[in-house]
Amino acid sequence: MKNAILASALLLVGCGAGPDPADAFMTRLSEHCGKAYEGTVVSTDEADADFASEQLVMHVRECSDEVIRVPFHVGDNRSRTWVITRTESGLRLKHDHRHEDGAEDAVTQYGGDSGRVMATRVEFPVDQFSIDLFKREGLDQSVTNVWAIELTDEMFAYELSRENRFFRAEFDLTEPVAPPPAPWGFE
């Protein structure tokens, strides 16, 4: 019995806790740095019809250990960039929205911090800054937003959910496409 306990303890020490899931997620995403991928809207909400009819391209454009910037192009609209930042306790997702002249939109830099980071999925409940911004801009329906990013070997997904609303776009990571032009404000 004593040998079995010792062997179990050695096995646990040898295994360690493994890499931090947030670090592992950032590393996996940064492996796609410089690459772009086409996607499709897979949710069925009528509010997504305009997005669904356009070409969707995500471009893992800028990568560091702390920040990854992923412009999200909807047709010719280059106003959106997802900004994923490593924090002390996990990950942060912010939405950088710009006008064609590069100026920030009135509704920008919203998002949230992750709770638990899983191997293939991270959820980002709306943060207080975003709640205040949404209320100030009359977007009360957005104060319960939860965004999610999924990342597997074959697919990247971006998701938004709240009461009476679900949006999901999936991007095929097995078929890179030509990188699009820079997002507005980052030429």
C-alpha atoms as a PDB file:
ATOM      1  CA  MET A   1       0.000   0.000   0.000  1.00  0.00           C
ATOM      2  CA  LYS A   2       2.833   2.372   0.944  1.00  0.00           C
ATOM      3  CA  ASN A   3       4.470   1.822  -2.476  1.00  0.00           C
ATOM      4  CA  ALA A   4       1.177   2.504  -4.294  1.00  0.00           C
ATOM      5  CA  ILE A   5       0.747   5.825  -2.463  1.00  0.00           C
ATOM      6  CA  LEU A   6       4.357   6.797  -3.208  1.00  0.00           C
ATOM      7  CA  ALA A   7       3.933   5.870  -6.883  1.00  0.00           C
ATOM      8  CA  SER A   8       0.726   7.921  -7.108  1.00  0.00           C
ATOM      9  CA  ALA A   9       2.417  10.922  -5.508  1.00  0.00           C
ATOM     10  CA  LEU A  10       5.373  10.684  -7.898  1.00  0.00           C
ATOM     11  CA  LEU A  11       3.020  10.406 -10.857  1.00  0.00           C
ATOM     12  CA  LEU A  12       1.160  13.554  -9.777  1.00  0.00           C
ATOM     13  CA  VAL A  13       4.403  15.491  -9.270  1.00  0.00           C
ATOM     14  CA  GLY A  14       5.729  14.279 -12.616  1.00  0.00           C
ATOM     15  CA  CYS A  15       2.580  15.357 -14.427  1.00  0.00           C
ATOM     16  CA  GLY A  16       2.534  18.853 -12.953  1.00  0.00           C
ATOM     17  CA  ALA A  17      -0.316  21.215 -13.566  1.00  0.00           C
ATOM     18  CA  GLY A  18       0.680  21.677 -17.217  1.00  0.00           C
ATOM     19  CA  PRO A  19       0.751  24.982 -19.054  1.00  0.00           C
ATOM     20  CA  ASP A  20      -1.646  27.707 -18.004  1.00  0.00           C
ATOM     21  CA  PRO A  21      -4.763  27.358 -20.211  1.00  0.00           C
ATOM     22  CA  ALA A  22      -4.762  31.085 -21.073  1.00  0.00           C
ATOM     23  CA  ASP A  23      -1.115  30.926 -22.159  1.00  0.00           C
ATOM     24  CA  ALA A  24      -1.815  27.766 -24.161  1.00  0.00           C
ATOM     25  CA  PHE A  25      -4.805  29.438 -25.855  1.00  0.00           C
ATOM     26  CA  MET A  26      -2.720  32.493 -26.790  1.00  0.00           C
ATOM     27  CA  THR A  27       0.066  30.268 -28.125  1.00  0.00           C
ATOM     28  CA  ARG A  28      -2.362  28.237 -30.242  1.00  0.00           C
ATOM     29  CA  LEU A  29      -3.968  31.363 -31.685  1.00  0.00           C
ATOM     30  CA  SER A  30      -0.608  33.024 -32.372  1.00  0.00           C
ATOM     31  CA  GLU A  31       0.377  29.999 -34.486  1.00  0.00           C
ATOM     32  CA  HIS A  32      -1.987  31.528 -37.063  1.00  0.00           C
ATOM     33  CA  CYS A  33      -0.329  34.957 -36.981  1.00  0.00           C
ATOM     34  CA  GLY A  34      -0.183  36.524 -40.428  1.00  0.00           C
ATOM     35  CA  LYS A  35      -2.822  34.172 -41.817  1.00  0.00           C
ATOM     36  CA  ALA A  36      -6.396  34.945 -42.830  1.00  0.00           C
ATOM     37  CA  TYR A  37      -9.408  32.652 -43.034  1.00  0.00           C
ATOM     38  CA  GLU A  38     -12.840  32.850 -44.595  1.00  0.00           C
ATOM     39  CA  GLY A  39     -15.902  32.114 -42.527  1.00  0.00           C
ATOM     40  CA  THR A  40     -19.645  31.815 -42.548  1.00  0.00           C
ATOM     41  CA  VAL A  41     -22.465  32.792 -40.240  1.00  0.00           C
ATOM     42  CA  VAL A  42     -23.855  29.569 -38.792  1.00  0.00           C
ATOM     43  CA  SER A  43     -26.515  31.109 -36.529  1.00  0.00           C
ATOM     44  CA  THR A  44     -29.999  31.481 -37.962  1.00  0.00           C
ATOM     45  CA  ASP A  45     -31.191  34.779 -36.466  1.00  0.00           C
ATOM     46  CA  GLU A  46     -32.803  37.041 -39.085  1.00  0.00           C
ATOM     47  CA  ALA A  47     -30.748  39.924 -37.663  1.00  0.00           C
ATOM     48  CA  ASP A  48     -27.654  38.244 -39.157  1.00  0.00           C
ATOM     49  CA  ALA A  49     -28.903  38.201 -42.759  1.00  0.00           C
ATOM     50  CA  ASP A  50     -26.682  41.136 -43.798  1.00  0.00           C
ATOM     51  CA  PHE A  51     -23.569  39.475 -42.362  1.00  0.00           C
ATOM     52  CA  ALA A  52     -24.509  36.108 -43.847  1.00  0.00           C
ATOM     53  CA  SER A  53     -24.721  37.586 -47.348  1.00  0.00           C
ATOM     54  CA  GLU A  54     -21.187  39.064 -47.185  1.00  0.00           C
ATOM     55  CA  GLN A  55     -17.739  37.536 -47.388  1.00  0.00           C
ATOM     56  CA  LEU A  56     -16.411  37.141 -43.833  1.00  0.00           C
ATOM     57  CA  VAL A  57     -12.641  37.127 -43.295  1.00  0.00           C
ATOM     58  CA  MET A  58     -10.698  37.056 -40.040  1.00  0.00           C
ATOM     59  CA  HIS A  59      -6.987  37.917 -40.107  1.00  0.00           C
ATOM     60  CA  VAL A  60      -4.710  37.045 -37.192  1.00  0.00           C
ATOM     61  CA  ARG A  61      -2.699  40.172 -37.937  1.00  0.00           C
ATOM     62  CA  GLU A  62      -0.644  41.165 -34.890  1.00  0.00           C
ATOM     63  CA  CYS A  63       0.688  38.830 -32.212  1.00  0.00           C
ATOM     64  CA  SER A  64       2.733  39.229 -29.058  1.00  0.00           C
ATOM     65  CA  ASP A  65       2.821  37.286 -25.799  1.00  0.00           C
ATOM     66  CA  GLU A  66       0.270  39.702 -24.314  1.00  0.00           C
ATOM     67  CA  VAL A  67      -1.948  40.890 -27.209  1.00  0.00           C
ATOM     68  CA  ILE A  68      -3.337  39.360 -30.397  1.00  0.00           C
ATOM     69  CA  ARG A  69      -5.271  41.567 -32.833  1.00  0.00           C
ATOM     70  CA  VAL A  70      -7.701  39.867 -35.201  1.00  0.00           C
ATOM     71  CA  PRO A  71      -9.395  42.155 -37.727  1.00  0.00           C
ATOM     72  CA  PHE A  72     -12.829  40.867 -38.771  1.00  0.00           C
ATOM     73  CA  HIS A  73     -13.862  42.001 -42.249  1.00  0.00           C
ATOM     74  CA  VAL A  74     -17.486  41.872 -43.375  1.00  0.00           C
ATOM     75  CA  GLY A  75     -17.431  42.430 -47.129  1.00  0.00           C
ATOM     76  CA  ASP A  76     -15.655  45.756 -47.712  1.00  0.00           C
ATOM     77  CA  ASN A  77     -16.288  46.866 -44.118  1.00  0.00           C
ATOM     78  CA  ARG A  78     -12.961  46.857 -42.242  1.00  0.00           C
ATOM     79  CA  SER A  79     -14.257  48.528 -39.062  1.00  0.00           C
ATOM     80  CA  ARG A  80     -13.925  45.633 -36.596  1.00  0.00           C
ATOM     81  CA  THR A  81     -10.912  44.205 -34.753  1.00  0.00           C
ATOM     82  CA  TRP A  82     -11.056  41.660 -31.953  1.00  0.00           C
ATOM     83  CA  VAL A  83      -8.327  42.370 -29.399  1.00  0.00           C
ATOM     84  CA  ILE A  84      -7.420  39.444 -27.149  1.00  0.00           C
ATOM     85  CA  THR A  85      -5.179  40.365 -24.215  1.00  0.00           C
ATOM     86  CA  ARG A  86      -3.494  38.165 -21.631  1.00  0.00           C
ATOM     87  CA  THR A  87      -4.374  39.338 -18.109  1.00  0.00           C
ATOM     88  CA  GLU A  88      -3.139  38.185 -14.689  1.00  0.00           C
ATOM     89  CA  SER A  89      -6.221  36.005 -14.260  1.00  0.00           C
ATOM     90  CA  GLY A  90      -7.041  34.917 -17.802  1.00  0.00           C
ATOM     91  CA  LEU A  91      -7.912  36.633 -21.082  1.00  0.00           C
ATOM     92  CA  ARG A  92      -9.714  39.822 -22.089  1.00  0.00           C
ATOM     93  CA  LEU A  93     -11.680  40.357 -25.312  1.00  0.00           C
ATOM     94  CA  LYS A  94     -12.277  43.886 -26.560  1.00  0.00           C
ATOM     95  CA  HIS A  95     -13.902  45.078 -29.776  1.00  0.00           C
ATOM     96  CA  ASP A  96     -12.060  47.920 -31.513  1.00  0.00           C
ATOM     97  CA  HIS A  97     -14.523  49.608 -33.877  1.00  0.00           C
ATOM     98  CA  ARG A  98     -13.326  52.320 -36.285  1.00  0.00           C
ATOM     99  CA  HIS A  99     -14.772  54.523 -38.983  1.00  0.00           C
ATOM    100  CA  GLU A 100     -13.306  54.497 -42.480  1.00  0.00           C
ATOM    101  CA  ASP A 101     -11.179  57.548 -41.610  1.00  0.00           C
ATOM    102  CA  GLY A 102      -9.650  55.607 -38.694  1.00  0.00           C
ATOM    103  CA  ALA A 103     -11.484  57.486 -35.939  1.00  0.00           C
ATOM    104  CA  GLU A 104     -12.901  55.370 -33.133  1.00  0.00           C
ATOM    105  CA  ASP A 105     -16.625  54.681 -33.246  1.00  0.00           C
ATOM    106  CA  ALA A 106     -18.726  55.900 -30.304  1.00  0.00           C
ATOM    107  CA  VAL A 107     -19.295  52.225 -29.441  1.00  0.00           C
ATOM    108  CA  THR A 108     -15.805  50.736 -29.184  1.00  0.00           C
ATOM    109  CA  GLN A 109     -13.456  49.021 -26.730  1.00  0.00           C
ATOM    110  CA  TYR A 110     -16.305  46.979 -25.277  1.00  0.00           C
ATOM    111  CA  GLY A 111     -16.000  43.370 -24.173  1.00  0.00           C
ATOM    112  CA  GLY A 112     -15.133  41.453 -21.045  1.00  0.00           C
ATOM    113  CA  ASP A 113     -12.715  39.290 -19.101  1.00  0.00           C
ATOM    114  CA  SER A 114     -12.731  35.538 -19.195  1.00  0.00           C
ATOM    115  CA  GLY A 115     -13.825  33.355 -16.404  1.00  0.00           C
ATOM    116  CA  ARG A 116     -12.349  29.910 -16.676  1.00  0.00           C
ATOM    117  CA  VAL A 117     -10.309  29.329 -19.831  1.00  0.00           C
ATOM    118  CA  MET A 118     -10.928  25.905 -21.347  1.00  0.00           C
ATOM    119  CA  ALA A 119      -8.761  24.126 -23.881  1.00  0.00           C
ATOM    120  CA  THR A 120     -10.936  25.054 -26.868  1.00  0.00           C
ATOM    121  CA  ARG A 121     -13.401  27.678 -25.614  1.00  0.00           C
ATOM    122  CA  VAL A 122     -13.187  30.958 -23.715  1.00  0.00           C
ATOM    123  CA  GLU A 123     -16.246  32.943 -22.621  1.00  0.00           C
ATOM    124  CA  PHE A 124     -16.144  36.667 -21.924  1.00  0.00           C
ATOM    125  CA  PRO A 125     -19.073  38.064 -19.908  1.00  0.00           C
ATOM    126  CA  VAL A 126     -19.718  41.771 -20.422  1.00  0.00           C
ATOM    127  CA  ASP A 127     -17.598  44.000 -18.157  1.00  0.00           C
ATOM    128  CA  GLN A 128     -18.705  47.113 -16.279  1.00  0.00           C
ATOM    129  CA  PHE A 129     -17.025  49.506 -18.748  1.00  0.00           C
ATOM    130  CA  SER A 130     -19.094  47.939 -21.534  1.00  0.00           C
ATOM    131  CA  ILE A 131     -22.334  47.999 -19.536  1.00  0.00           C
ATOM    132  CA  ASP A 132     -21.836  51.721 -18.888  1.00  0.00           C
ATOM    133  CA  LEU A 133     -21.002  52.326 -22.565  1.00  0.00           C
ATOM    134  CA  PHE A 134     -24.031  50.391 -23.797  1.00  0.00           C
ATOM    135  CA  LYS A 135     -26.369  52.228 -21.418  1.00  0.00           C
ATOM    136  CA  ARG A 136     -24.906  55.606 -22.407  1.00  0.00           C
ATOM    137  CA  GLU A 137     -25.392  54.765 -26.100  1.00  0.00           C
ATOM    138  CA  GLY A 138     -28.952  53.412 -25.646  1.00  0.00           C
ATOM    139  CA  LEU A 139     -27.951  49.777 -26.239  1.00  0.00           C
ATOM    140  CA  ASP A 140     -29.600  48.366 -23.122  1.00  0.00           C
ATOM    141  CA  GLN A 141     -30.204  45.025 -24.853  1.00  0.00           C
ATOM    142  CA  SER A 142     -26.409  44.465 -24.861  1.00  0.00           C
ATOM    143  CA  VAL A 143     -25.789  44.744 -21.096  1.00  0.00           C
ATOM    144  CA  THR A 144     -26.002  40.968 -20.681  1.00  0.00           C
ATOM    145  CA  ASN A 145     -23.738  40.064 -23.620  1.00  0.00           C
ATOM    146  CA  VAL A 146     -21.442  37.077 -23.358  1.00  0.00           C
ATOM    147  CA  TRP A 147     -18.916  36.626 -26.142  1.00  0.00           C
ATOM    148  CA  ALA A 148     -17.041  33.404 -26.781  1.00  0.00           C
ATOM    149  CA  ILE A 149     -14.132  32.303 -28.904  1.00  0.00           C
ATOM    150  CA  GLU A 150     -13.584  28.682 -29.815  1.00  0.00           C
ATOM    151  CA  LEU A 151     -10.337  27.418 -31.259  1.00  0.00           C
ATOM    152  CA  THR A 152      -9.664  23.921 -32.532  1.00  0.00           C
ATOM    153  CA  ASP A 153      -7.161  22.645 -35.073  1.00  0.00           C
ATOM    154  CA  GLU A 154      -9.744  23.083 -37.836  1.00  0.00           C
ATOM    155  CA  MET A 155     -11.954  25.965 -36.731  1.00  0.00           C
ATOM    156  CA  PHE A 156     -12.062  29.401 -35.095  1.00  0.00           C
ATOM    157  CA  ALA A 157     -15.494  30.569 -33.952  1.00  0.00           C
ATOM    158  CA  TYR A 158     -16.688  33.925 -32.669  1.00  0.00           C
ATOM    159  CA  GLU A 159     -19.946  33.980 -30.762  1.00  0.00           C
ATOM    160  CA  LEU A 160     -22.258  36.498 -29.120  1.00  0.00           C
ATOM    161  CA  SER A 161     -25.130  35.454 -26.914  1.00  0.00           C
ATOM    162  CA  ARG A 162     -27.663  37.178 -24.705  1.00  0.00           C
ATOM    163  CA  GLU A 163     -31.361  36.812 -24.027  1.00  0.00           C
ATOM    164  CA  ASN A 164     -33.214  36.548 -27.363  1.00  0.00           C
ATOM    165  CA  ARG A 165     -29.981  36.836 -29.393  1.00  0.00           C
ATOM    166  CA  PHE A 166     -27.377  34.385 -30.642  1.00  0.00           C
ATOM    167  CA  PHE A 167     -24.742  35.070 -33.309  1.00  0.00           C
ATOM    168  CA  ARG A 168     -22.012  32.651 -34.366  1.00  0.00           C
ATOM    169  CA  ALA A 169     -19.504  32.783 -37.203  1.00  0.00           C
ATOM    170  CA  GLU A 170     -17.098  29.929 -37.910  1.00  0.00           C
ATOM    171  CA  PHE A 171     -13.834  30.182 -39.847  1.00  0.00           C
ATOM    172  CA  ASP A 172     -12.109  27.268 -41.582  1.00  0.00           C
ATOM    173  CA  LEU A 173      -8.510  27.136 -40.320  1.00  0.00           C
ATOM    174  CA  THR A 174      -7.557  24.411 -42.792  1.00  0.00           C
ATOM    175  CA  GLU A 175      -7.750  26.752 -45.817  1.00  0.00           C
ATOM    176  CA  PRO A 176      -5.924  30.087 -45.447  1.00  0.00           C
ATOM    177  CA  VAL A 177      -6.948  32.866 -47.821  1.00  0.00           C
ATOM    178  CA  ALA A 178      -5.062  35.942 -48.998  1.00  0.00           C
ATOM    179  CA  PRO A 179      -4.760  38.460 -46.130  1.00  0.00           C
ATOM    180  CA  PRO A 180      -7.168  41.384 -46.558  1.00  0.00           C
ATOM    181  CA  PRO A 181      -6.157  45.053 -46.407  1.00  0.00           C
ATOM    182  CA  ALA A 182      -5.425  46.529 -42.993  1.00  0.00           C
ATOM    183  CA  PRO A 183      -8.422  47.388 -40.825  1.00  0.00           C
ATOM    184  CA  TRP A 184      -9.492  50.998 -40.793  1.00  0.00           C
ATOM    185  CA  GLY A 185      -7.202  53.096 -38.637  1.00  0.00           C
ATOM    186  CA  PHE A 186      -4.272  50.669 -38.901  1.00  0.00           C
ATOM    187  CA  GLU A 187      -3.021  51.272 -42.441  1.00  0.00           C
END
